[in-house]
Amino acid sequence: MNKSQKRPILIVEDSDSDYEATVWAFGDHAKSIPYVRCRNGEEVIEYLENRGAFVSEAERPVPTLVLLDLNLPRMNGREILRYIKDSSYACSLPVVMLTSSANPAEIEACYRGGANGVFLKPLDVFEFRKLLDLILCYWAQHALLPLPST
């Protein structure tokens, strides 16, 4: 299966530098796994519902995984998680939360909200690459995932 046939990873990240670090941390996965960026919750909803800025991408595949930053403007990561998990269309999508906070209450709230994993973003870029390698190997290469409902 070539890159255009694979379901993409949806990266939800408002910071340009954190997004660039994430793409860099994809390493060799970037050659075989497509990815799409949304900067905020409104873009996530538009992407998943195929409207707004994403309406022209009628043939775009549904994501295989959502990498969701916890701290976002307007809609925070938990609110986006709630939208995804409450959606009859997208509720089966795995959502992995990435955060710079190790606050136990926030971590608990993410899992209670349906997150499939919560990970602390390492400050070291090489440690971040190791973390994303583990996440992508598991979710994009080994896990058996259902297609979202239509």
N, C-alpha and C. Protein backbone atom coordinates (compact mmCIF):
# COMPACT_ATOMS: atom_id res chain seq x y z
N MET A 1 0.84 -1.18 0.00
CA MET A 1 0.00 0.00 0.00
C MET A 1 0.89 1.24 0.00
N ASN A 2 0.66 2.18 -0.94
CA ASN A 2 1.49 3.37 -0.96
C ASN A 2 0.96 4.43 -0.02
N LYS A 3 1.73 5.49 0.13
CA LYS A 3 1.41 6.54 1.11
C LYS A 3 0.02 7.12 0.88
N SER A 4 -0.39 7.31 -0.37
CA SER A 4 -1.68 7.93 -0.65
C SER A 4 -2.85 7.03 -0.31
N GLN A 5 -2.64 5.74 -0.18
CA GLN A 5 -3.71 4.81 0.14
C GLN A 5 -3.88 4.60 1.65
N LYS A 6 -2.90 4.96 2.43
CA LYS A 6 -2.98 4.76 3.88
C LYS A 6 -3.80 5.85 4.53
N ARG A 7 -4.46 5.49 5.62
CA ARG A 7 -5.18 6.48 6.41
C ARG A 7 -4.17 7.34 7.16
N PRO A 8 -4.39 8.64 7.21
CA PRO A 8 -3.40 9.53 7.82
C PRO A 8 -3.50 9.57 9.34
N ILE A 9 -2.46 10.11 9.94
CA ILE A 9 -2.45 10.48 11.34
C ILE A 9 -2.93 11.93 11.38
N LEU A 10 -3.88 12.23 12.24
CA LEU A 10 -4.34 13.60 12.41
C LEU A 10 -3.58 14.21 13.58
N ILE A 11 -2.77 15.21 13.30
CA ILE A 11 -1.99 15.90 14.32
C ILE A 11 -2.72 17.19 14.67
N VAL A 12 -3.12 17.32 15.93
CA VAL A 12 -3.81 18.53 16.38
C VAL A 12 -2.84 19.30 17.26
N GLU A 13 -2.28 20.36 16.69
CA GLU A 13 -1.22 21.12 17.36
C GLU A 13 -1.29 22.57 16.89
N ASP A 14 -1.43 23.50 17.82
CA ASP A 14 -1.51 24.91 17.47
C ASP A 14 -0.14 25.56 17.29
N SER A 15 0.87 25.08 17.97
CA SER A 15 2.21 25.67 17.91
C SER A 15 2.96 25.18 16.67
N ASP A 16 3.42 26.14 15.86
CA ASP A 16 4.18 25.76 14.66
C ASP A 16 5.46 25.02 15.02
N SER A 17 6.15 25.48 16.05
CA SER A 17 7.40 24.81 16.41
C SER A 17 7.15 23.41 16.96
N ASP A 18 6.10 23.22 17.75
CA ASP A 18 5.77 21.88 18.25
C ASP A 18 5.31 20.97 17.11
N TYR A 19 4.59 21.53 16.14
CA TYR A 19 4.18 20.73 14.98
C TYR A 19 5.41 20.29 14.18
N GLU A 20 6.33 21.23 13.93
CA GLU A 20 7.55 20.88 13.20
C GLU A 20 8.37 19.83 13.96
N ALA A 21 8.42 19.95 15.27
CA ALA A 21 9.13 18.95 16.08
C ALA A 21 8.44 17.59 15.97
N THR A 22 7.12 17.60 15.94
CA THR A 22 6.38 16.34 15.81
C THR A 22 6.65 15.68 14.47
N VAL A 23 6.60 16.46 13.40
CA VAL A 23 6.87 15.90 12.07
C VAL A 23 8.31 15.39 12.00
N TRP A 24 9.26 16.13 12.57
CA TRP A 24 10.64 15.66 12.61
C TRP A 24 10.72 14.36 13.40
N ALA A 25 10.00 14.30 14.51
CA ALA A 25 10.05 13.12 15.38
C ALA A 25 9.40 11.90 14.73
N PHE A 26 8.57 12.11 13.71
CA PHE A 26 8.03 10.97 12.97
C PHE A 26 9.15 10.15 12.36
N GLY A 27 10.28 10.79 12.07
CA GLY A 27 11.43 10.08 11.53
C GLY A 27 11.07 9.34 10.25
N ASP A 28 11.46 8.09 10.16
CA ASP A 28 11.21 7.27 8.98
C ASP A 28 9.73 7.01 8.75
N HIS A 29 8.90 7.14 9.78
CA HIS A 29 7.46 6.93 9.61
C HIS A 29 6.86 7.95 8.64
N ALA A 30 7.47 9.14 8.56
CA ALA A 30 6.94 10.19 7.69
C ALA A 30 6.97 9.78 6.22
N LYS A 31 7.82 8.83 5.87
CA LYS A 31 7.91 8.35 4.50
C LYS A 31 6.77 7.39 4.16
N SER A 32 6.22 6.72 5.16
CA SER A 32 5.22 5.69 4.88
C SER A 32 3.84 5.98 5.47
N ILE A 33 3.74 6.93 6.38
CA ILE A 33 2.46 7.24 7.00
C ILE A 33 2.12 8.69 6.73
N PRO A 34 1.02 8.94 6.01
CA PRO A 34 0.63 10.33 5.77
C PRO A 34 0.13 10.98 7.05
N TYR A 35 0.16 12.29 7.09
CA TYR A 35 -0.33 13.02 8.26
C TYR A 35 -0.98 14.31 7.81
N VAL A 36 -1.91 14.78 8.62
CA VAL A 36 -2.66 16.00 8.37
C VAL A 36 -2.63 16.82 9.65
N ARG A 37 -2.53 18.13 9.51
CA ARG A 37 -2.51 18.99 10.70
C ARG A 37 -3.81 19.78 10.82
N CYS A 38 -4.30 19.84 12.05
CA CYS A 38 -5.34 20.79 12.43
C CYS A 38 -4.77 21.62 13.56
N ARG A 39 -5.05 22.91 13.55
CA ARG A 39 -4.49 23.81 14.56
C ARG A 39 -5.39 24.00 15.77
N ASN A 40 -6.66 23.66 15.65
CA ASN A 40 -7.60 23.89 16.75
C ASN A 40 -8.82 22.97 16.61
N GLY A 41 -9.70 23.03 17.58
CA GLY A 41 -10.86 22.16 17.60
C GLY A 41 -11.81 22.38 16.44
N GLU A 42 -11.98 23.64 16.03
CA GLU A 42 -12.86 23.91 14.90
C GLU A 42 -12.36 23.22 13.64
N GLU A 43 -11.05 23.24 13.42
CA GLU A 43 -10.48 22.56 12.25
C GLU A 43 -10.66 21.04 12.36
N VAL A 44 -10.55 20.49 13.55
CA VAL A 44 -10.76 19.04 13.73
C VAL A 44 -12.18 18.68 13.32
N ILE A 45 -13.14 19.45 13.79
CA ILE A 45 -14.55 19.19 13.45
C ILE A 45 -14.76 19.32 11.94
N GLU A 46 -14.21 20.37 11.34
CA GLU A 46 -14.34 20.54 9.89
C GLU A 46 -13.71 19.38 9.14
N TYR A 47 -12.54 18.94 9.60
CA TYR A 47 -11.86 17.82 8.94
C TYR A 47 -12.69 16.55 9.04
N LEU A 48 -13.14 16.21 10.24
CA LEU A 48 -13.88 14.96 10.43
C LEU A 48 -15.25 14.99 9.76
N GLU A 49 -15.83 16.17 9.65
CA GLU A 49 -17.15 16.29 9.02
C GLU A 49 -17.05 16.69 7.55
N ASN A 50 -15.82 16.81 7.03
CA ASN A 50 -15.59 17.12 5.62
C ASN A 50 -16.29 18.41 5.20
N ARG A 51 -16.03 19.46 5.96
CA ARG A 51 -16.63 20.76 5.61
C ARG A 51 -15.62 21.87 5.86
N GLY A 52 -16.01 23.10 5.58
CA GLY A 52 -15.11 24.23 5.77
C GLY A 52 -13.89 24.13 4.88
N ALA A 53 -12.73 24.34 5.44
CA ALA A 53 -11.48 24.31 4.67
C ALA A 53 -11.20 22.94 4.07
N PHE A 54 -11.85 21.90 4.57
CA PHE A 54 -11.56 20.54 4.11
C PHE A 54 -12.62 19.99 3.15
N VAL A 55 -13.60 20.81 2.78
CA VAL A 55 -14.69 20.32 1.95
C VAL A 55 -14.22 19.86 0.57
N SER A 56 -13.15 20.43 0.05
CA SER A 56 -12.66 20.04 -1.27
C SER A 56 -11.96 18.69 -1.26
N GLU A 57 -11.70 18.17 -0.09
CA GLU A 57 -10.98 16.90 0.02
C GLU A 57 -11.97 15.74 0.21
N ALA A 58 -12.93 15.64 -0.71
CA ALA A 58 -14.01 14.67 -0.57
C ALA A 58 -13.51 13.23 -0.49
N GLU A 59 -12.39 12.95 -1.10
CA GLU A 59 -11.88 11.59 -1.12
C GLU A 59 -10.83 11.34 -0.04
N ARG A 60 -10.68 12.28 0.87
CA ARG A 60 -9.66 12.12 1.89
C ARG A 60 -10.01 10.96 2.82
N PRO A 61 -9.02 10.17 3.21
CA PRO A 61 -9.30 9.05 4.12
C PRO A 61 -9.50 9.52 5.56
N VAL A 62 -10.29 8.77 6.28
CA VAL A 62 -10.51 9.02 7.70
C VAL A 62 -9.20 8.73 8.43
N PRO A 63 -8.84 9.50 9.45
CA PRO A 63 -7.57 9.24 10.14
C PRO A 63 -7.56 7.87 10.82
N THR A 64 -6.37 7.35 10.96
CA THR A 64 -6.19 6.09 11.68
C THR A 64 -5.92 6.35 13.16
N LEU A 65 -5.45 7.57 13.47
CA LEU A 65 -5.05 7.95 14.82
C LEU A 65 -5.10 9.46 14.93
N VAL A 66 -5.47 9.94 16.12
CA VAL A 66 -5.42 11.38 16.40
C VAL A 66 -4.37 11.61 17.48
N LEU A 67 -3.37 12.43 17.16
CA LEU A 67 -2.39 12.89 18.14
C LEU A 67 -2.86 14.27 18.57
N LEU A 68 -3.32 14.38 19.80
CA LEU A 68 -4.02 15.58 20.25
C LEU A 68 -3.28 16.28 21.37
N ASP A 69 -2.90 17.53 21.11
CA ASP A 69 -2.28 18.36 22.13
C ASP A 69 -3.35 18.72 23.16
N LEU A 70 -3.01 18.67 24.42
CA LEU A 70 -3.98 18.96 25.48
C LEU A 70 -4.26 20.45 25.59
N ASN A 71 -3.24 21.27 25.46
CA ASN A 71 -3.39 22.71 25.65
C ASN A 71 -3.53 23.43 24.32
N LEU A 72 -4.77 23.75 23.97
CA LEU A 72 -5.08 24.42 22.71
C LEU A 72 -5.96 25.63 22.98
N PRO A 73 -5.93 26.62 22.09
CA PRO A 73 -6.81 27.78 22.26
C PRO A 73 -8.26 27.43 21.89
N ARG A 74 -9.18 28.20 22.37
CA ARG A 74 -10.62 28.09 22.11
C ARG A 74 -11.22 26.79 22.62
N MET A 75 -10.93 25.68 22.00
CA MET A 75 -11.35 24.35 22.47
C MET A 75 -10.11 23.65 22.97
N ASN A 76 -10.08 23.25 24.23
CA ASN A 76 -8.89 22.54 24.70
C ASN A 76 -8.95 21.07 24.26
N GLY A 77 -7.88 20.37 24.47
CA GLY A 77 -7.80 18.98 24.03
C GLY A 77 -8.89 18.09 24.58
N ARG A 78 -9.27 18.29 25.84
CA ARG A 78 -10.34 17.46 26.42
C ARG A 78 -11.68 17.72 25.75
N GLU A 79 -11.94 18.96 25.34
CA GLU A 79 -13.18 19.27 24.63
C GLU A 79 -13.21 18.62 23.25
N ILE A 80 -12.06 18.63 22.58
CA ILE A 80 -11.98 17.96 21.27
C ILE A 80 -12.14 16.46 21.46
N LEU A 81 -11.51 15.91 22.48
CA LEU A 81 -11.65 14.49 22.79
C LEU A 81 -13.13 14.15 23.02
N ARG A 82 -13.82 14.98 23.78
CA ARG A 82 -15.25 14.75 24.05
C ARG A 82 -16.05 14.75 22.74
N TYR A 83 -15.74 15.71 21.84
CA TYR A 83 -16.44 15.75 20.55
C TYR A 83 -16.21 14.44 19.78
N ILE A 84 -14.97 14.00 19.71
CA ILE A 84 -14.65 12.78 18.96
C ILE A 84 -15.36 11.58 19.57
N LYS A 85 -15.27 11.41 20.87
CA LYS A 85 -15.83 10.23 21.53
C LYS A 85 -17.37 10.27 21.57
N ASP A 86 -17.98 11.45 21.49
CA ASP A 86 -19.44 11.56 21.46
C ASP A 86 -20.00 11.45 20.05
N SER A 87 -19.13 11.52 19.05
CA SER A 87 -19.55 11.48 17.66
C SER A 87 -19.83 10.04 17.24
N SER A 88 -21.01 9.81 16.66
CA SER A 88 -21.30 8.45 16.19
C SER A 88 -20.37 8.07 15.04
N TYR A 89 -19.87 9.05 14.32
CA TYR A 89 -19.00 8.81 13.19
C TYR A 89 -17.56 8.52 13.59
N ALA A 90 -17.04 9.26 14.57
CA ALA A 90 -15.61 9.21 14.87
C ALA A 90 -15.27 8.56 16.21
N CYS A 91 -16.25 8.06 16.94
CA CYS A 91 -16.01 7.59 18.30
C CYS A 91 -15.01 6.44 18.40
N SER A 92 -14.82 5.69 17.33
CA SER A 92 -13.89 4.56 17.39
C SER A 92 -12.45 4.97 17.08
N LEU A 93 -12.22 6.22 16.71
CA LEU A 93 -10.85 6.66 16.42
C LEU A 93 -10.01 6.65 17.69
N PRO A 94 -8.84 6.05 17.65
CA PRO A 94 -7.96 6.15 18.81
C PRO A 94 -7.42 7.57 18.94
N VAL A 95 -7.42 8.06 20.16
CA VAL A 95 -6.92 9.41 20.44
C VAL A 95 -5.82 9.31 21.48
N VAL A 96 -4.65 9.79 21.11
CA VAL A 96 -3.50 9.83 22.01
C VAL A 96 -3.25 11.29 22.36
N MET A 97 -3.29 11.58 23.65
CA MET A 97 -3.09 12.93 24.14
C MET A 97 -1.61 13.16 24.40
N LEU A 98 -1.11 14.32 23.97
CA LEU A 98 0.26 14.74 24.24
C LEU A 98 0.19 16.01 25.07
N THR A 99 0.93 16.05 26.16
CA THR A 99 0.85 17.19 27.06
C THR A 99 2.20 17.53 27.65
N SER A 100 2.32 18.76 28.07
CA SER A 100 3.54 19.19 28.77
C SER A 100 3.30 19.22 30.27
N SER A 101 2.11 18.82 30.70
CA SER A 101 1.75 18.84 32.11
C SER A 101 1.59 17.42 32.65
N ALA A 102 2.15 17.14 33.79
CA ALA A 102 1.97 15.84 34.43
C ALA A 102 0.95 15.94 35.56
N ASN A 103 0.04 16.89 35.47
CA ASN A 103 -0.99 17.09 36.47
C ASN A 103 -1.88 15.86 36.54
N PRO A 104 -1.92 15.15 37.68
CA PRO A 104 -2.72 13.92 37.79
C PRO A 104 -4.20 14.13 37.50
N ALA A 105 -4.75 15.27 37.86
CA ALA A 105 -6.17 15.54 37.60
C ALA A 105 -6.44 15.65 36.10
N GLU A 106 -5.53 16.29 35.36
CA GLU A 106 -5.69 16.39 33.91
C GLU A 106 -5.56 15.03 33.24
N ILE A 107 -4.60 14.24 33.69
CA ILE A 107 -4.40 12.90 33.13
C ILE A 107 -5.64 12.04 33.37
N GLU A 108 -6.16 12.07 34.59
CA GLU A 108 -7.37 11.33 34.94
C GLU A 108 -8.55 11.77 34.07
N ALA A 109 -8.69 13.08 33.87
CA ALA A 109 -9.78 13.61 33.06
C ALA A 109 -9.68 13.13 31.61
N CYS A 110 -8.48 13.04 31.09
CA CYS A 110 -8.29 12.56 29.71
C CYS A 110 -8.73 11.10 29.59
N TYR A 111 -8.29 10.27 30.52
CA TYR A 111 -8.67 8.85 30.45
C TYR A 111 -10.18 8.68 30.67
N ARG A 112 -10.74 9.43 31.61
CA ARG A 112 -12.19 9.35 31.82
C ARG A 112 -12.96 9.80 30.59
N GLY A 113 -12.35 10.71 29.82
CA GLY A 113 -12.97 11.20 28.59
C GLY A 113 -12.81 10.27 27.40
N GLY A 114 -12.06 9.20 27.57
CA GLY A 114 -11.93 8.22 26.49
C GLY A 114 -10.60 8.22 25.77
N ALA A 115 -9.61 8.93 26.28
CA ALA A 115 -8.29 8.91 25.64
C ALA A 115 -7.73 7.49 25.64
N ASN A 116 -7.08 7.13 24.56
CA ASN A 116 -6.46 5.82 24.46
C ASN A 116 -5.04 5.81 25.02
N GLY A 117 -4.52 6.98 25.30
CA GLY A 117 -3.21 7.11 25.90
C GLY A 117 -2.94 8.57 26.19
N VAL A 118 -2.18 8.83 27.24
CA VAL A 118 -1.75 10.18 27.59
C VAL A 118 -0.25 10.12 27.81
N PHE A 119 0.47 10.98 27.10
CA PHE A 119 1.93 10.96 27.17
C PHE A 119 2.46 12.35 27.42
N LEU A 120 3.45 12.42 28.29
CA LEU A 120 4.17 13.66 28.56
C LEU A 120 5.13 13.91 27.40
N LYS A 121 5.07 15.10 26.82
CA LYS A 121 5.99 15.45 25.73
C LYS A 121 7.39 15.62 26.32
N PRO A 122 8.33 14.79 25.92
CA PRO A 122 9.69 14.99 26.42
C PRO A 122 10.27 16.30 25.90
N LEU A 123 11.09 16.94 26.71
CA LEU A 123 11.75 18.18 26.28
C LEU A 123 12.86 17.89 25.28
N ASP A 124 13.50 16.74 25.40
CA ASP A 124 14.57 16.34 24.50
C ASP A 124 13.96 15.81 23.19
N VAL A 125 14.36 16.38 22.06
CA VAL A 125 13.77 15.99 20.77
C VAL A 125 14.05 14.53 20.42
N PHE A 126 15.17 14.00 20.86
CA PHE A 126 15.47 12.60 20.56
C PHE A 126 14.60 11.66 21.40
N GLU A 127 14.30 12.06 22.63
CA GLU A 127 13.36 11.28 23.45
C GLU A 127 11.96 11.37 22.86
N PHE A 128 11.60 12.54 22.33
CA PHE A 128 10.30 12.71 21.68
C PHE A 128 10.20 11.80 20.46
N ARG A 129 11.28 11.70 19.70
CA ARG A 129 11.30 10.80 18.53
C ARG A 129 11.09 9.35 18.97
N LYS A 130 11.75 8.94 20.07
CA LYS A 130 11.56 7.57 20.58
C LYS A 130 10.11 7.33 20.98
N LEU A 131 9.52 8.31 21.66
CA LEU A 131 8.13 8.19 22.09
C LEU A 131 7.20 8.06 20.89
N LEU A 132 7.35 8.94 19.90
CA LEU A 132 6.48 8.86 18.73
C LEU A 132 6.70 7.58 17.94
N ASP A 133 7.93 7.09 17.91
CA ASP A 133 8.20 5.82 17.23
C ASP A 133 7.38 4.70 17.89
N LEU A 134 7.36 4.66 19.21
CA LEU A 134 6.58 3.65 19.92
C LEU A 134 5.07 3.80 19.64
N ILE A 135 4.59 5.03 19.70
CA ILE A 135 3.17 5.29 19.46
C ILE A 135 2.78 4.89 18.03
N LEU A 136 3.57 5.33 17.06
CA LEU A 136 3.24 5.04 15.66
C LEU A 136 3.40 3.57 15.32
N CYS A 137 4.42 2.92 15.85
CA CYS A 137 4.56 1.48 15.61
C CYS A 137 3.34 0.73 16.12
N TYR A 138 2.89 1.09 17.31
CA TYR A 138 1.74 0.41 17.90
C TYR A 138 0.46 0.71 17.13
N TRP A 139 0.08 1.99 17.02
CA TRP A 139 -1.21 2.35 16.46
C TRP A 139 -1.29 2.26 14.95
N ALA A 140 -0.21 2.63 14.24
CA ALA A 140 -0.28 2.69 12.79
C ALA A 140 0.20 1.42 12.10
N GLN A 141 0.92 0.55 12.82
CA GLN A 141 1.45 -0.63 12.17
C GLN A 141 0.94 -1.95 12.75
N HIS A 142 0.61 -1.97 14.04
CA HIS A 142 0.27 -3.26 14.66
C HIS A 142 -1.16 -3.38 15.14
N ALA A 143 -1.76 -2.31 15.60
CA ALA A 143 -3.12 -2.40 16.15
C ALA A 143 -4.12 -2.62 15.03
N LEU A 144 -5.10 -3.46 15.29
CA LEU A 144 -6.21 -3.65 14.36
C LEU A 144 -7.29 -2.64 14.74
N LEU A 145 -7.63 -1.77 13.80
CA LEU A 145 -8.54 -0.67 14.09
C LEU A 145 -9.79 -0.75 13.23
N PRO A 146 -10.94 -0.43 13.80
CA PRO A 146 -12.17 -0.40 13.00
C PRO A 146 -12.22 0.86 12.16
N LEU A 147 -12.94 0.80 11.06
CA LEU A 147 -13.22 2.01 10.31
C LEU A 147 -14.31 2.77 11.04
N PRO A 148 -14.24 4.10 11.03
CA PRO A 148 -15.30 4.87 11.67
C PRO A 148 -16.64 4.62 11.00
N SER A 149 -17.71 4.78 11.74
CA SER A 149 -19.06 4.62 11.19
C SER A 149 -19.32 5.68 10.15
N THR A 150 -20.21 5.38 9.23
CA THR A 150 -20.57 6.37 8.21
C THR A 150 -21.93 6.96 8.49
